[in-house]
PDB file of N, CA and C in Angstrom:
ATOM      1  N   UNK A   1      44.149  20.959  -7.363  1.00  0.00           N
ATOM      2  CA  UNK A   1      44.978  20.052  -8.093  1.00  0.00           C
ATOM      3  C   UNK A   1      44.924  20.451  -9.563  1.00  0.00           C
ATOM      4  N   UNK A   2      46.090  20.483 -10.201  1.00  0.00           N
ATOM      5  CA  UNK A   2      46.171  20.818 -11.615  1.00  0.00           C
ATOM      6  C   UNK A   2      46.932  19.719 -12.348  1.00  0.00           C
ATOM      7  N   UNK A   3      46.418  19.310 -13.495  1.00  0.00           N
ATOM      8  CA  UNK A   3      47.064  18.256 -14.274  1.00  0.00           C
ATOM      9  C   UNK A   3      48.224  18.822 -15.087  1.00  0.00           C
ATOM     10  N   UNK A   4      49.048  17.944 -15.581  1.00  0.00           N
ATOM     11  CA  UNK A   4      50.031  18.298 -16.599  1.00  0.00           C
ATOM     12  C   UNK A   4      49.243  18.552 -17.884  1.00  0.00           C
ATOM     13  N   UNK A   5      49.850  19.220 -18.872  1.00  0.00           N
ATOM     14  CA  UNK A   5      49.128  19.405 -20.135  1.00  0.00           C
ATOM     15  C   UNK A   5      48.726  18.059 -20.739  1.00  0.00           C
ATOM     16  N   UNK A   6      47.513  17.999 -21.263  1.00  0.00           N
ATOM     17  CA  UNK A   6      47.016  16.786 -21.903  1.00  0.00           C
ATOM     18  C   UNK A   6      46.218  17.171 -23.135  1.00  0.00           C
ATOM     19  N   UNK A   7      46.136  16.232 -24.071  1.00  0.00           N
ATOM     20  CA  UNK A   7      45.345  16.415 -25.284  1.00  0.00           C
ATOM     21  C   UNK A   7      44.245  15.360 -25.246  1.00  0.00           C
ATOM     22  N   UNK A   8      43.015  15.768 -25.511  1.00  0.00           N
ATOM     23  CA  UNK A   8      41.885  14.840 -25.413  1.00  0.00           C
ATOM     24  C   UNK A   8      41.053  14.864 -26.678  1.00  0.00           C
ATOM     25  N   UNK A   9      40.212  13.845 -26.801  1.00  0.00           N
ATOM     26  CA  UNK A   9      39.161  13.775 -27.808  1.00  0.00           C
ATOM     27  C   UNK A   9      37.846  13.617 -27.056  1.00  0.00           C
ATOM     28  N   UNK A  10      36.801  14.203 -27.554  1.00  0.00           N
ATOM     29  CA  UNK A  10      35.505  14.035 -26.912  1.00  0.00           C
ATOM     30  C   UNK A  10      34.739  15.329 -26.803  1.00  0.00           C
ATOM     31  N   UNK A  11      33.521  15.198 -26.254  1.00  0.00           N
ATOM     32  CA  UNK A  11      32.604  16.331 -26.134  1.00  0.00           C
ATOM     33  C   UNK A  11      32.335  16.751 -24.700  1.00  0.00           C
ATOM     34  N   UNK A  12      32.492  15.808 -23.752  1.00  0.00           N
ATOM     35  CA  UNK A  12      32.199  16.119 -22.355  1.00  0.00           C
ATOM     36  C   UNK A  12      33.289  15.577 -21.450  1.00  0.00           C
ATOM     37  N   UNK A  13      33.448  16.219 -20.308  1.00  0.00           N
ATOM     38  CA  UNK A  13      34.362  15.770 -19.266  1.00  0.00           C
ATOM     39  C   UNK A  13      33.507  15.210 -18.138  1.00  0.00           C
ATOM     40  N   UNK A  14      33.652  13.919 -17.865  1.00  0.00           N
ATOM     41  CA  UNK A  14      32.867  13.295 -16.801  1.00  0.00           C
ATOM     42  C   UNK A  14      33.759  12.965 -15.618  1.00  0.00           C
ATOM     43  N   UNK A  15      33.197  13.143 -14.428  1.00  0.00           N
ATOM     44  CA  UNK A  15      33.925  12.912 -13.183  1.00  0.00           C
ATOM     45  C   UNK A  15      33.293  11.792 -12.384  1.00  0.00           C
ATOM     46  N   UNK A  16      34.128  11.070 -11.659  1.00  0.00           N
ATOM     47  CA  UNK A  16      33.687  10.135 -10.625  1.00  0.00           C
ATOM     48  C   UNK A  16      34.105  10.804  -9.326  1.00  0.00           C
ATOM     49  N   UNK A  17      33.133  11.313  -8.593  1.00  0.00           N
ATOM     50  CA  UNK A  17      33.437  12.129  -7.421  1.00  0.00           C
ATOM     51  C   UNK A  17      32.434  11.890  -6.297  1.00  0.00           C
ATOM     52  N   UNK A  18      32.854  12.224  -5.097  1.00  0.00           N
ATOM     53  CA  UNK A  18      31.997  12.114  -3.920  1.00  0.00           C
ATOM     54  C   UNK A  18      32.306  13.294  -3.016  1.00  0.00           C
ATOM     55  N   UNK A  19      31.283  14.064  -2.682  1.00  0.00           N
ATOM     56  CA  UNK A  19      31.475  15.208  -1.791  1.00  0.00           C
ATOM     57  C   UNK A  19      30.649  15.022  -0.527  1.00  0.00           C
ATOM     58  N   UNK A  20      31.058  15.716   0.524  1.00  0.00           N
ATOM     59  CA  UNK A  20      30.228  15.753   1.730  1.00  0.00           C
ATOM     60  C   UNK A  20      29.044  16.661   1.447  1.00  0.00           C
ATOM     61  N   UNK A  21      28.168  16.804   2.407  1.00  0.00           N
ATOM     62  CA  UNK A  21      26.971  17.634   2.215  1.00  0.00           C
ATOM     63  C   UNK A  21      27.327  19.065   1.822  1.00  0.00           C
ATOM     64  N   UNK A  22      28.399  19.598   2.386  1.00  0.00           N
ATOM     65  CA  UNK A  22      28.802  20.966   2.069  1.00  0.00           C
ATOM     66  C   UNK A  22      29.950  21.044   1.088  1.00  0.00           C
ATOM     67  N   UNK A  23      30.368  19.902   0.540  1.00  0.00           N
ATOM     68  CA  UNK A  23      31.516  19.870  -0.360  1.00  0.00           C
ATOM     69  C   UNK A  23      31.149  20.189  -1.801  1.00  0.00           C
ATOM     70  N   UNK A  24      32.173  20.560  -2.561  1.00  0.00           N
ATOM     71  CA  UNK A  24      31.977  20.876  -3.974  1.00  0.00           C
ATOM     72  C   UNK A  24      33.196  20.450  -4.787  1.00  0.00           C
ATOM     73  N   UNK A  25      32.953  20.273  -6.072  1.00  0.00           N
ATOM     74  CA  UNK A  25      34.020  20.112  -7.058  1.00  0.00           C
ATOM     75  C   UNK A  25      33.687  21.047  -8.214  1.00  0.00           C
ATOM     76  N   UNK A  26      34.687  21.777  -8.683  1.00  0.00           N
ATOM     77  CA  UNK A  26      34.566  22.611  -9.866  1.00  0.00           C
ATOM     78  C   UNK A  26      35.800  22.346 -10.730  1.00  0.00           C
ATOM     79  N   UNK A  27      35.654  22.540 -12.032  1.00  0.00           N
ATOM     80  CA  UNK A  27      36.770  22.310 -12.942  1.00  0.00           C
ATOM     81  C   UNK A  27      37.029  23.562 -13.766  1.00  0.00           C
ATOM     82  N   UNK A  28      38.288  23.981 -13.770  1.00  0.00           N
ATOM     83  CA  UNK A  28      38.728  25.070 -14.633  1.00  0.00           C
ATOM     84  C   UNK A  28      39.591  24.445 -15.727  1.00  0.00           C
ATOM     85  N   UNK A  29      39.414  24.887 -16.966  1.00  0.00           N
ATOM     86  CA  UNK A  29      40.264  24.423 -18.056  1.00  0.00           C
ATOM     87  C   UNK A  29      41.203  25.566 -18.432  1.00  0.00           C
ATOM     88  N   UNK A  30      42.492  25.225 -18.484  1.00  0.00           N
ATOM     89  CA  UNK A  30      43.539  26.209 -18.747  1.00  0.00           C
ATOM     90  C   UNK A  30      44.276  25.846 -20.033  1.00  0.00           C
ATOM     91  N   UNK A  31      44.979  26.831 -20.613  1.00  0.00           N
ATOM     92  CA  UNK A  31      45.856  26.506 -21.730  1.00  0.00           C
ATOM     93  C   UNK A  31      47.088  25.799 -21.168  1.00  0.00           C
ATOM     94  N   UNK A  32      47.992  25.363 -22.029  1.00  0.00           N
ATOM     95  CA  UNK A  32      49.103  24.555 -21.541  1.00  0.00           C
ATOM     96  C   UNK A  32      50.064  25.321 -20.644  1.00  0.00           C
ATOM     97  N   UNK A  33      50.020  26.650 -20.672  1.00  0.00           N
ATOM     98  CA  UNK A  33      50.881  27.427 -19.783  1.00  0.00           C
ATOM     99  C   UNK A  33      50.191  27.796 -18.463  1.00  0.00           C
ATOM    100  N   UNK A  34      48.918  27.390 -18.292  1.00  0.00           N
ATOM    101  CA  UNK A  34      48.232  27.611 -17.026  1.00  0.00           C
ATOM    102  C   UNK A  34      47.303  28.798 -16.979  1.00  0.00           C
ATOM    103  N   UNK A  35      47.050  29.442 -18.110  1.00  0.00           N
ATOM    104  CA  UNK A  35      46.099  30.567 -18.144  1.00  0.00           C
ATOM    105  C   UNK A  35      44.686  30.034 -18.355  1.00  0.00           C
ATOM    106  N   UNK A  36      43.726  30.432 -17.529  1.00  0.00           N
ATOM    107  CA  UNK A  36      42.337  29.969 -17.686  1.00  0.00           C
ATOM    108  C   UNK A  36      41.775  30.375 -19.041  1.00  0.00           C
ATOM    109  N   UNK A  37      41.044  29.454 -19.668  1.00  0.00           N
ATOM    110  CA  UNK A  37      40.426  29.727 -20.960  1.00  0.00           C
ATOM    111  C   UNK A  37      39.076  30.404 -20.765  1.00  0.00           C
ATOM    112  N   UNK A  38      38.806  31.366 -21.619  1.00  0.00           N
ATOM    113  CA  UNK A  38      37.550  32.115 -21.552  1.00  0.00           C
ATOM    114  C   UNK A  38      36.362  31.154 -21.656  1.00  0.00           C
ATOM    115  N   UNK A  39      35.423  31.297 -20.716  1.00  0.00           N
ATOM    116  CA  UNK A  39      34.242  30.437 -20.680  1.00  0.00           C
ATOM    117  C   UNK A  39      34.433  29.175 -19.862  1.00  0.00           C
ATOM    118  N   UNK A  40      35.692  28.879 -19.494  1.00  0.00           N
ATOM    119  CA  UNK A  40      35.999  27.679 -18.722  1.00  0.00           C
ATOM    120  C   UNK A  40      36.778  28.008 -17.443  1.00  0.00           C
ATOM    121  N   UNK A  41      36.685  29.252 -16.992  1.00  0.00           N
ATOM    122  CA  UNK A  41      37.360  29.679 -15.768  1.00  0.00           C
ATOM    123  C   UNK A  41      36.651  29.102 -14.546  1.00  0.00           C
ATOM    124  N   UNK A  42      37.342  29.096 -13.412  1.00  0.00           N
ATOM    125  CA  UNK A  42      36.743  28.602 -12.168  1.00  0.00           C
ATOM    126  C   UNK A  42      35.475  29.394 -11.828  1.00  0.00           C
ATOM    127  N   UNK A  43      35.460  30.665 -12.154  1.00  0.00           N
ATOM    128  CA  UNK A  43      34.276  31.486 -11.871  1.00  0.00           C
ATOM    129  C   UNK A  43      33.094  31.126 -12.766  1.00  0.00           C
ATOM    130  N   UNK A  44      33.360  30.454 -13.892  1.00  0.00           N
ATOM    131  CA  UNK A  44      32.300  29.985 -14.797  1.00  0.00           C
ATOM    132  C   UNK A  44      31.828  28.582 -14.435  1.00  0.00           C
ATOM    133  N   UNK A  45      32.642  27.849 -13.674  1.00  0.00           N
ATOM    134  CA  UNK A  45      32.380  26.426 -13.405  1.00  0.00           C
ATOM    135  C   UNK A  45      31.184  26.238 -12.480  1.00  0.00           C
ATOM    136  N   UNK A  46      30.305  25.325 -12.866  1.00  0.00           N
ATOM    137  CA  UNK A  46      29.172  24.966 -12.021  1.00  0.00           C
ATOM    138  C   UNK A  46      29.658  24.038 -10.910  1.00  0.00           C
ATOM    139  N   UNK A  47      29.101  24.192  -9.729  1.00  0.00           N
ATOM    140  CA  UNK A  47      29.476  23.355  -8.586  1.00  0.00           C
ATOM    141  C   UNK A  47      28.839  21.978  -8.701  1.00  0.00           C
ATOM    142  N   UNK A  48      29.636  20.961  -8.428  1.00  0.00           N
ATOM    143  CA  UNK A  48      29.142  19.582  -8.362  1.00  0.00           C
ATOM    144  C   UNK A  48      29.124  19.189  -6.904  1.00  0.00           C
ATOM    145  N   UNK A  49      27.989  18.698  -6.445  1.00  0.00           N
ATOM    146  CA  UNK A  49      27.823  18.296  -5.057  1.00  0.00           C
ATOM    147  C   UNK A  49      27.093  16.965  -5.039  1.00  0.00           C
ATOM    148  N   UNK A  50      27.695  15.943  -4.403  1.00  0.00           N
ATOM    149  CA  UNK A  50      27.041  14.642  -4.313  1.00  0.00           C
ATOM    150  C   UNK A  50      27.988  13.506  -4.642  1.00  0.00           C
ATOM    151  N   UNK A  51      27.431  12.317  -4.770  1.00  0.00           N
ATOM    152  CA  UNK A  51      28.186  11.103  -5.059  1.00  0.00           C
ATOM    153  C   UNK A  51      27.799  10.638  -6.453  1.00  0.00           C
ATOM    154  N   UNK A  52      28.747  10.681  -7.392  1.00  0.00           N
ATOM    155  CA  UNK A  52      28.462  10.354  -8.785  1.00  0.00           C
ATOM    156  C   UNK A  52      29.539   9.449  -9.365  1.00  0.00           C
ATOM    157  N   UNK A  53      29.111   8.480 -10.164  1.00  0.00           N
ATOM    158  CA  UNK A  53      30.054   7.681 -10.947  1.00  0.00           C
ATOM    159  C   UNK A  53      30.425   8.421 -12.227  1.00  0.00           C
ATOM    160  N   UNK A  54      29.434   9.063 -12.846  1.00  0.00           N
ATOM    161  CA  UNK A  54      29.654   9.802 -14.089  1.00  0.00           C
ATOM    162  C   UNK A  54      28.808  11.056 -14.073  1.00  0.00           C
ATOM    163  N   UNK A  55      29.412  12.171 -13.722  1.00  0.00           N
ATOM    164  CA  UNK A  55      28.697  13.449 -13.747  1.00  0.00           C
ATOM    165  C   UNK A  55      29.484  14.395 -14.658  1.00  0.00           C
ATOM    166  N   UNK A  56      28.799  15.055 -15.593  1.00  0.00           N
ATOM    167  CA  UNK A  56      29.526  15.961 -16.484  1.00  0.00           C
ATOM    168  C   UNK A  56      29.903  17.262 -15.773  1.00  0.00           C
ATOM    169  N   UNK A  57      31.132  17.694 -16.006  1.00  0.00           N
ATOM    170  CA  UNK A  57      31.532  19.029 -15.568  1.00  0.00           C
ATOM    171  C   UNK A  57      30.843  20.021 -16.498  1.00  0.00           C
ATOM    172  N   UNK A  58      30.497  21.191 -15.964  1.00  0.00           N
ATOM    173  CA  UNK A  58      29.843  22.199 -16.797  1.00  0.00           C
ATOM    174  C   UNK A  58      30.254  23.597 -16.360  1.00  0.00           C
ATOM    175  N   UNK A  59      30.077  24.527 -17.287  1.00  0.00           N
ATOM    176  CA  UNK A  59      30.439  25.914 -17.083  1.00  0.00           C
ATOM    177  C   UNK A  59      29.259  26.757 -17.538  1.00  0.00           C
ATOM    178  N   UNK A  60      28.661  27.472 -16.602  1.00  0.00           N
ATOM    179  CA  UNK A  60      27.458  28.261 -16.890  1.00  0.00           C
ATOM    180  C   UNK A  60      26.402  27.414 -17.601  1.00  0.00           C
ATOM    181  N   UNK A  61      26.251  26.168 -17.136  1.00  0.00           N
ATOM    182  CA  UNK A  61      25.227  25.279 -17.655  1.00  0.00           C
ATOM    183  C   UNK A  61      25.591  24.545 -18.937  1.00  0.00           C
ATOM    184  N   UNK A  62      26.781  24.788 -19.469  1.00  0.00           N
ATOM    185  CA  UNK A  62      27.200  24.133 -20.715  1.00  0.00           C
ATOM    186  C   UNK A  62      28.282  23.107 -20.410  1.00  0.00           C
ATOM    187  N   UNK A  63      28.157  21.905 -20.992  1.00  0.00           N
ATOM    188  CA  UNK A  63      29.150  20.858 -20.733  1.00  0.00           C
ATOM    189  C   UNK A  63      29.966  20.481 -21.971  1.00  0.00           C
ATOM    190  N   UNK A  64      29.704  21.118 -23.108  1.00  0.00           N
ATOM    191  CA  UNK A  64      30.402  20.779 -24.350  1.00  0.00           C
ATOM    192  C   UNK A  64      31.814  21.359 -24.355  1.00  0.00           C
ATOM    193  N   UNK A  65      32.815  20.471 -24.452  1.00  0.00           N
ATOM    194  CA  UNK A  65      34.220  20.891 -24.503  1.00  0.00           C
ATOM    195  C   UNK A  65      34.859  20.548 -25.848  1.00  0.00           C
ATOM    196  N   UNK A  66      34.046  20.168 -26.833  1.00  0.00           N
ATOM    197  CA  UNK A  66      34.573  19.707 -28.123  1.00  0.00           C
ATOM    198  C   UNK A  66      35.423  20.765 -28.833  1.00  0.00           C
ATOM    199  N   UNK A  67      35.182  22.044 -28.595  1.00  0.00           N
ATOM    200  CA  UNK A  67      35.977  23.097 -29.235  1.00  0.00           C
ATOM    201  C   UNK A  67      37.434  23.069 -28.769  1.00  0.00           C
ATOM    202  N   UNK A  68      37.702  22.431 -27.631  1.00  0.00           N
ATOM    203  CA  UNK A  68      39.061  22.372 -27.090  1.00  0.00           C
ATOM    204  C   UNK A  68      39.779  21.070 -27.433  1.00  0.00           C
ATOM    205  N   UNK A  69      39.066  20.124 -28.034  1.00  0.00           N
ATOM    206  CA  UNK A  69      39.648  18.814 -28.362  1.00  0.00           C
ATOM    207  C   UNK A  69      40.817  18.978 -29.322  1.00  0.00           C
ATOM    208  N   UNK A  70      41.844  18.163 -29.100  1.00  0.00           N
ATOM    209  CA  UNK A  70      43.004  18.158 -29.976  1.00  0.00           C
ATOM    210  C   UNK A  70      44.076  19.166 -29.655  1.00  0.00           C
ATOM    211  N   UNK A  71      43.836  20.021 -28.652  1.00  0.00           N
ATOM    212  CA  UNK A  71      44.862  20.995 -28.258  1.00  0.00           C
ATOM    213  C   UNK A  71      45.269  20.757 -26.806  1.00  0.00           C
ATOM    214  N   UNK A  72      46.514  21.071 -26.452  1.00  0.00           N
ATOM    215  CA  UNK A  72      46.952  20.829 -25.071  1.00  0.00           C
ATOM    216  C   UNK A  72      46.235  21.751 -24.082  1.00  0.00           C
ATOM    217  N   UNK A  73      45.695  21.156 -23.033  1.00  0.00           N
ATOM    218  CA  UNK A  73      45.036  21.903 -21.960  1.00  0.00           C
ATOM    219  C   UNK A  73      45.460  21.313 -20.617  1.00  0.00           C
ATOM    220  N   UNK A  74      45.256  22.080 -19.580  1.00  0.00           N
ATOM    221  CA  UNK A  74      45.413  21.615 -18.199  1.00  0.00           C
ATOM    222  C   UNK A  74      44.043  21.679 -17.541  1.00  0.00           C
ATOM    223  N   UNK A  75      43.782  20.764 -16.627  1.00  0.00           N
ATOM    224  CA  UNK A  75      42.555  20.793 -15.832  1.00  0.00           C
ATOM    225  C   UNK A  75      42.936  21.167 -14.410  1.00  0.00           C
ATOM    226  N   UNK A  76      42.250  22.161 -13.871  1.00  0.00           N
ATOM    227  CA  UNK A  76      42.451  22.539 -12.465  1.00  0.00           C
ATOM    228  C   UNK A  76      41.169  22.209 -11.722  1.00  0.00           C
ATOM    229  N   UNK A  77      41.294  21.317 -10.736  1.00  0.00           N
ATOM    230  CA  UNK A  77      40.153  20.897  -9.935  1.00  0.00           C
ATOM    231  C   UNK A  77      40.146  21.702  -8.642  1.00  0.00           C
ATOM    232  N   UNK A  78      39.046  22.399  -8.405  1.00  0.00           N
ATOM    233  CA  UNK A  78      38.841  23.164  -7.177  1.00  0.00           C
ATOM    234  C   UNK A  78      37.892  22.331  -6.327  1.00  0.00           C
ATOM    235  N   UNK A  79      38.364  21.891  -5.158  1.00  0.00           N
ATOM    236  CA  UNK A  79      37.562  20.968  -4.347  1.00  0.00           C
ATOM    237  C   UNK A  79      37.534  21.408  -2.883  1.00  0.00           C
ATOM    238  N   UNK A  80      36.394  21.141  -2.254  1.00  0.00           N
ATOM    239  CA  UNK A  80      36.242  21.358  -0.811  1.00  0.00           C
ATOM    240  C   UNK A  80      35.489  20.153  -0.270  1.00  0.00           C
ATOM    241  N   UNK A  81      36.055  19.482   0.722  1.00  0.00           N
ATOM    242  CA  UNK A  81      35.425  18.303   1.322  1.00  0.00           C
ATOM    243  C   UNK A  81      34.943  17.330   0.248  1.00  0.00           C
ATOM    244  N   UNK A  82      35.867  16.944  -0.641  1.00  0.00           N
ATOM    245  CA  UNK A  82      35.493  16.105  -1.774  1.00  0.00           C
ATOM    246  C   UNK A  82      36.593  15.107  -2.103  1.00  0.00           C
ATOM    247  N   UNK A  83      36.186  14.032  -2.744  1.00  0.00           N
ATOM    248  CA  UNK A  83      37.102  13.026  -3.285  1.00  0.00           C
ATOM    249  C   UNK A  83      36.880  12.989  -4.789  1.00  0.00           C
ATOM    250  N   UNK A  84      37.969  13.031  -5.548  1.00  0.00           N
ATOM    251  CA  UNK A  84      37.903  12.870  -6.989  1.00  0.00           C
ATOM    252  C   UNK A  84      38.591  11.553  -7.307  1.00  0.00           C
ATOM    253  N   UNK A  85      37.838  10.584  -7.821  1.00  0.00           N
ATOM    254  CA  UNK A  85      38.389   9.264  -8.096  1.00  0.00           C
ATOM    255  C   UNK A  85      38.897   9.146  -9.517  1.00  0.00           C
ATOM    256  N   UNK A  86      38.239   9.767 -10.453  1.00  0.00           N
ATOM    257  CA  UNK A  86      38.698   9.703 -11.842  1.00  0.00           C
ATOM    258  C   UNK A  86      37.991  10.774 -12.674  1.00  0.00           C
ATOM    259  N   UNK A  87      38.580  11.021 -13.846  1.00  0.00           N
ATOM    260  CA  UNK A  87      37.934  11.878 -14.839  1.00  0.00           C
ATOM    261  C   UNK A  87      38.186  11.271 -16.202  1.00  0.00           C
ATOM    262  N   UNK A  88      37.257  11.546 -17.130  1.00  0.00           N
ATOM    263  CA  UNK A  88      37.347  10.957 -18.465  1.00  0.00           C
ATOM    264  C   UNK A  88      36.604  11.844 -19.458  1.00  0.00           C
ATOM    265  N   UNK A  89      37.208  12.004 -20.624  1.00  0.00           N
ATOM    266  CA  UNK A  89      36.527  12.700 -21.714  1.00  0.00           C
ATOM    267  C   UNK A  89      35.747  11.675 -22.517  1.00  0.00           C
ATOM    268  N   UNK A  90      34.503  11.984 -22.838  1.00  0.00           N
ATOM    269  CA  UNK A  90      33.623  11.052 -23.547  1.00  0.00           C
ATOM    270  C   UNK A  90      33.053  11.718 -24.796  1.00  0.00           C
ATOM    271  N   UNK A  91      32.731  10.877 -25.805  1.00  0.00           N
ATOM    272  CA  UNK A  91      32.118  11.411 -27.042  1.00  0.00           C
ATOM    273  C   UNK A  91      30.717  11.937 -26.793  1.00  0.00           C
TER     274      UNK A  91
END
């Protein structure tokens, strides 16, 4: 699933998600035309597994997205056996 371009404020992207035992959620951040941003590609994304109300998305162990705040981006969610209920950028 990929979002329309959006502009956000904040430092972290938090997810409300639930996966099965073998399920995962990963997040890729793209520019507004759909090209993956360096350091935020799906191959950089850490796998999220479990049931969480607020779990930060991360890329190679880093969850800070503040460098991208204020510019249009798309979020691409890569999921297997998972439910994504919401996402939110937080300070």
